[in-house]
Amino acid sequence: MKTRTLAIAALTASTAVNLVGVAAPGLADAKGKSKPKPKPKPKPKPAHAASSGNYTGATAYTPYINISVTLTVKNKKITKLTVRDNPQDTFSAQLASAAIPMLRREALKKQTWRINIVSGATITSDAFATSMYSAMHKAHI
């Protein structure tokens, strides 16, 4: 029995497979064909997939204006964007009345909170982006 075991050990792996009929993992089977690797399992989709609905971002408070953005989302796209603002003085109200429509248009066009700021209304632009980011985070988009 010992001589037979030594003889098989001295053979190459493919010859041993032909004699025994069983292949080690990763080696060819008895017919010389390699076994396919198992396919990886698909990753589960996150439970937080964006759904249709309205999402209100956190109010961004500044010394000049408070802004809150509400998004209407359908099929992972922003279809409507509503802005509630509360300017602290008349100058801030004038700036907001000029800047917010521009910010709204660009945000709807680009479908993101990462938009260009309006020159002269930096604080208003930052507050808008902050609230929109919060709303998009809630919507998981």
C-alpha atoms as a PDB file:
ATOM      1  CA  MET A   1       0.000   0.000   0.000  1.00  0.00           C
ATOM      2  CA  LYS A   2       2.838   2.407   0.777  1.00  0.00           C
ATOM      3  CA  THR A   3       4.366   2.064  -2.661  1.00  0.00           C
ATOM      4  CA  ARG A   4       1.075   2.933  -4.357  1.00  0.00           C
ATOM      5  CA  THR A   5       0.628   6.060  -2.185  1.00  0.00           C
ATOM      6  CA  LEU A   6       4.146   7.199  -2.939  1.00  0.00           C
ATOM      7  CA  ALA A   7       3.620   6.599  -6.620  1.00  0.00           C
ATOM      8  CA  ILE A   8       0.477   8.768  -6.705  1.00  0.00           C
ATOM      9  CA  ALA A   9       2.206  11.513  -4.721  1.00  0.00           C
ATOM     10  CA  ALA A  10       4.999  11.582  -7.273  1.00  0.00           C
ATOM     11  CA  LEU A  11       2.583  12.142 -10.178  1.00  0.00           C
ATOM     12  CA  THR A  12       1.490  15.540 -11.387  1.00  0.00           C
ATOM     13  CA  ALA A  13      -1.810  16.961 -10.192  1.00  0.00           C
ATOM     14  CA  SER A  14      -3.618  16.353 -13.496  1.00  0.00           C
ATOM     15  CA  THR A  15      -2.494  12.726 -13.637  1.00  0.00           C
ATOM     16  CA  ALA A  16      -3.608  12.189 -10.046  1.00  0.00           C
ATOM     17  CA  VAL A  17      -6.995  13.618 -10.965  1.00  0.00           C
ATOM     18  CA  ASN A  18      -7.286  11.134 -13.809  1.00  0.00           C
ATOM     19  CA  LEU A  19      -6.420   8.251 -11.502  1.00  0.00           C
ATOM     20  CA  VAL A  20      -8.566   9.259  -8.545  1.00  0.00           C
ATOM     21  CA  GLY A  21     -11.324  11.161 -10.373  1.00  0.00           C
ATOM     22  CA  VAL A  22     -11.510  14.024  -7.870  1.00  0.00           C
ATOM     23  CA  ALA A  23      -9.921  17.420  -8.352  1.00  0.00           C
ATOM     24  CA  ALA A  24      -8.669  19.761  -5.694  1.00  0.00           C
ATOM     25  CA  PRO A  25     -10.421  23.140  -5.597  1.00  0.00           C
ATOM     26  CA  GLY A  26      -9.216  25.357  -8.440  1.00  0.00           C
ATOM     27  CA  LEU A  27      -7.749  22.446 -10.450  1.00  0.00           C
ATOM     28  CA  ALA A  28      -9.151  20.756 -13.514  1.00  0.00           C
ATOM     29  CA  ASP A  29     -11.733  18.014 -13.084  1.00  0.00           C
ATOM     30  CA  ALA A  30     -11.241  14.389 -14.259  1.00  0.00           C
ATOM     31  CA  LYS A  31     -11.982  15.341 -17.865  1.00  0.00           C
ATOM     32  CA  GLY A  32      -9.420  18.159 -17.877  1.00  0.00           C
ATOM     33  CA  LYS A  33     -12.004  20.977 -17.774  1.00  0.00           C
ATOM     34  CA  SER A  34     -11.674  23.671 -15.154  1.00  0.00           C
ATOM     35  CA  LYS A  35     -14.664  24.325 -12.963  1.00  0.00           C
ATOM     36  CA  PRO A  36     -16.277  27.745 -13.229  1.00  0.00           C
ATOM     37  CA  LYS A  37     -15.998  30.082 -10.280  1.00  0.00           C
ATOM     38  CA  PRO A  38     -19.235  30.745  -8.432  1.00  0.00           C
ATOM     39  CA  LYS A  39     -20.943  34.011  -9.418  1.00  0.00           C
ATOM     40  CA  PRO A  40     -20.967  36.730  -6.781  1.00  0.00           C
ATOM     41  CA  LYS A  41     -24.315  37.422  -5.172  1.00  0.00           C
ATOM     42  CA  PRO A  42     -25.965  40.682  -6.221  1.00  0.00           C
ATOM     43  CA  LYS A  43     -25.838  43.469  -3.661  1.00  0.00           C
ATOM     44  CA  PRO A  44     -29.182  44.297  -2.094  1.00  0.00           C
ATOM     45  CA  LYS A  45     -30.670  47.671  -2.966  1.00  0.00           C
ATOM     46  CA  PRO A  46     -30.670  50.184  -0.140  1.00  0.00           C
ATOM     47  CA  ALA A  47     -33.902  50.498   1.785  1.00  0.00           C
ATOM     48  CA  HIS A  48     -33.638  54.275   1.473  1.00  0.00           C
ATOM     49  CA  ALA A  49     -34.288  54.496  -2.255  1.00  0.00           C
ATOM     50  CA  ALA A  50     -35.666  57.882  -3.193  1.00  0.00           C
ATOM     51  CA  SER A  51     -39.401  57.870  -3.332  1.00  0.00           C
ATOM     52  CA  SER A  52     -41.810  60.399  -4.696  1.00  0.00           C
ATOM     53  CA  GLY A  53     -43.021  63.054  -2.329  1.00  0.00           C
ATOM     54  CA  ASN A  54     -42.258  66.389  -0.712  1.00  0.00           C
ATOM     55  CA  TYR A  55     -39.126  66.887   1.376  1.00  0.00           C
ATOM     56  CA  THR A  56     -38.405  70.008   3.419  1.00  0.00           C
ATOM     57  CA  GLY A  57     -34.833  70.864   4.269  1.00  0.00           C
ATOM     58  CA  ALA A  58     -33.667  72.287   7.552  1.00  0.00           C
ATOM     59  CA  THR A  59     -34.056  76.027   7.863  1.00  0.00           C
ATOM     60  CA  ALA A  60     -30.751  77.813   7.290  1.00  0.00           C
ATOM     61  CA  TYR A  61     -30.473  80.714   9.733  1.00  0.00           C
ATOM     62  CA  THR A  62     -28.258  83.720   8.917  1.00  0.00           C
ATOM     63  CA  PRO A  63     -28.083  87.237  10.379  1.00  0.00           C
ATOM     64  CA  TYR A  64     -29.842  88.565   7.259  1.00  0.00           C
ATOM     65  CA  ILE A  65     -32.252  85.887   6.057  1.00  0.00           C
ATOM     66  CA  ASN A  66     -33.689  82.519   7.040  1.00  0.00           C
ATOM     67  CA  ILE A  67     -34.305  80.091   4.175  1.00  0.00           C
ATOM     68  CA  SER A  68     -36.088  76.747   3.966  1.00  0.00           C
ATOM     69  CA  VAL A  69     -36.265  74.728   0.735  1.00  0.00           C
ATOM     70  CA  THR A  70     -38.993  72.189  -0.042  1.00  0.00           C
ATOM     71  CA  LEU A  71     -38.455  69.726  -2.892  1.00  0.00           C
ATOM     72  CA  THR A  72     -41.068  67.771  -4.780  1.00  0.00           C
ATOM     73  CA  VAL A  73     -39.457  64.551  -6.040  1.00  0.00           C
ATOM     74  CA  LYS A  74     -40.819  62.133  -8.625  1.00  0.00           C
ATOM     75  CA  ASN A  75     -38.795  59.178  -9.973  1.00  0.00           C
ATOM     76  CA  LYS A  76     -35.593  60.475  -8.354  1.00  0.00           C
ATOM     77  CA  LYS A  77     -35.945  63.841 -10.138  1.00  0.00           C
ATOM     78  CA  ILE A  78     -36.697  67.178  -8.568  1.00  0.00           C
ATOM     79  CA  THR A  79     -39.858  68.401 -10.258  1.00  0.00           C
ATOM     80  CA  LYS A  80     -40.642  71.397  -8.072  1.00  0.00           C
ATOM     81  CA  LEU A  81     -38.642  73.550  -5.682  1.00  0.00           C
ATOM     82  CA  THR A  82     -40.305  75.911  -3.221  1.00  0.00           C
ATOM     83  CA  VAL A  83     -38.376  78.422  -1.107  1.00  0.00           C
ATOM     84  CA  ARG A  84     -39.615  79.997   2.114  1.00  0.00           C
ATOM     85  CA  ASP A  85     -37.547  82.976   3.152  1.00  0.00           C
ATOM     86  CA  ASN A  86     -37.726  85.446   5.995  1.00  0.00           C
ATOM     87  CA  PRO A  87     -35.484  88.452   5.321  1.00  0.00           C
ATOM     88  CA  GLN A  88     -34.507  90.511   8.379  1.00  0.00           C
ATOM     89  CA  ASP A  89     -34.520  93.923   6.646  1.00  0.00           C
ATOM     90  CA  THR A  90     -35.557  95.613   3.396  1.00  0.00           C
ATOM     91  CA  PHE A  91     -32.111  95.366   1.805  1.00  0.00           C
ATOM     92  CA  SER A  92     -32.010  91.602   2.434  1.00  0.00           C
ATOM     93  CA  ALA A  93     -35.521  91.338   1.011  1.00  0.00           C
ATOM     94  CA  GLN A  94     -34.413  93.094  -2.181  1.00  0.00           C
ATOM     95  CA  LEU A  95     -31.389  90.804  -2.517  1.00  0.00           C
ATOM     96  CA  ALA A  96     -33.500  87.708  -1.894  1.00  0.00           C
ATOM     97  CA  SER A  97     -36.133  88.757  -4.435  1.00  0.00           C
ATOM     98  CA  ALA A  98     -33.398  88.922  -7.089  1.00  0.00           C
ATOM     99  CA  ALA A  99     -31.201  85.994  -6.012  1.00  0.00           C
ATOM    100  CA  ILE A 100     -33.691  83.259  -5.048  1.00  0.00           C
ATOM    101  CA  PRO A 101     -35.337  82.922  -8.495  1.00  0.00           C
ATOM    102  CA  MET A 102     -31.865  82.523 -10.055  1.00  0.00           C
ATOM    103  CA  LEU A 103     -30.837  79.932  -7.466  1.00  0.00           C
ATOM    104  CA  ARG A 104     -34.129  78.065  -7.914  1.00  0.00           C
ATOM    105  CA  ARG A 105     -33.780  77.933 -11.717  1.00  0.00           C
ATOM    106  CA  GLU A 106     -30.210  76.677 -11.582  1.00  0.00           C
ATOM    107  CA  ALA A 107     -30.965  74.077  -8.915  1.00  0.00           C
ATOM    108  CA  LEU A 108     -33.863  72.677 -10.946  1.00  0.00           C
ATOM    109  CA  LYS A 109     -31.755  72.656 -14.112  1.00  0.00           C
ATOM    110  CA  LYS A 110     -28.745  70.911 -12.516  1.00  0.00           C
ATOM    111  CA  GLN A 111     -30.785  68.695 -10.129  1.00  0.00           C
ATOM    112  CA  THR A 112     -28.300  69.301  -7.323  1.00  0.00           C
ATOM    113  CA  TRP A 113     -27.527  71.628  -4.443  1.00  0.00           C
ATOM    114  CA  ARG A 114     -24.068  72.286  -5.914  1.00  0.00           C
ATOM    115  CA  ILE A 115     -24.830  75.448  -7.836  1.00  0.00           C
ATOM    116  CA  ASN A 116     -23.055  78.719  -8.502  1.00  0.00           C
ATOM    117  CA  ILE A 117     -23.603  81.449  -5.944  1.00  0.00           C
ATOM    118  CA  VAL A 118     -25.197  84.743  -6.914  1.00  0.00           C
ATOM    119  CA  SER A 119     -22.701  87.587  -6.781  1.00  0.00           C
ATOM    120  CA  GLY A 120     -23.640  90.058  -4.044  1.00  0.00           C
ATOM    121  CA  ALA A 121     -25.895  87.497  -2.344  1.00  0.00           C
ATOM    122  CA  THR A 122     -23.315  85.054  -1.041  1.00  0.00           C
ATOM    123  CA  ILE A 123     -24.950  84.488   2.337  1.00  0.00           C
ATOM    124  CA  THR A 124     -28.364  83.974   0.742  1.00  0.00           C
ATOM    125  CA  SER A 125     -26.830  81.557  -1.789  1.00  0.00           C
ATOM    126  CA  ASP A 126     -25.072  79.577   0.939  1.00  0.00           C
ATOM    127  CA  ALA A 127     -28.248  79.393   3.028  1.00  0.00           C
ATOM    128  CA  PHE A 128     -30.200  78.189  -0.020  1.00  0.00           C
ATOM    129  CA  ALA A 129     -27.606  75.485  -0.778  1.00  0.00           C
ATOM    130  CA  THR A 130     -27.524  74.350   2.868  1.00  0.00           C
ATOM    131  CA  SER A 131     -31.293  73.921   3.080  1.00  0.00           C
ATOM    132  CA  MET A 132     -31.454  72.247  -0.333  1.00  0.00           C
ATOM    133  CA  TYR A 133     -28.709  69.806   0.673  1.00  0.00           C
ATOM    134  CA  SER A 134     -30.736  68.883   3.753  1.00  0.00           C
ATOM    135  CA  ALA A 135     -33.886  68.299   1.671  1.00  0.00           C
ATOM    136  CA  MET A 136     -31.994  66.166  -0.886  1.00  0.00           C
ATOM    137  CA  HIS A 137     -30.466  64.131   1.944  1.00  0.00           C
ATOM    138  CA  LYS A 138     -33.932  63.442   3.341  1.00  0.00           C
ATOM    139  CA  ALA A 139     -35.107  62.429  -0.141  1.00  0.00           C
ATOM    140  CA  HIS A 140     -32.045  60.143  -0.617  1.00  0.00           C
ATOM    141  CA  ILE A 141     -31.105  61.699  -3.940  1.00  0.00           C
END
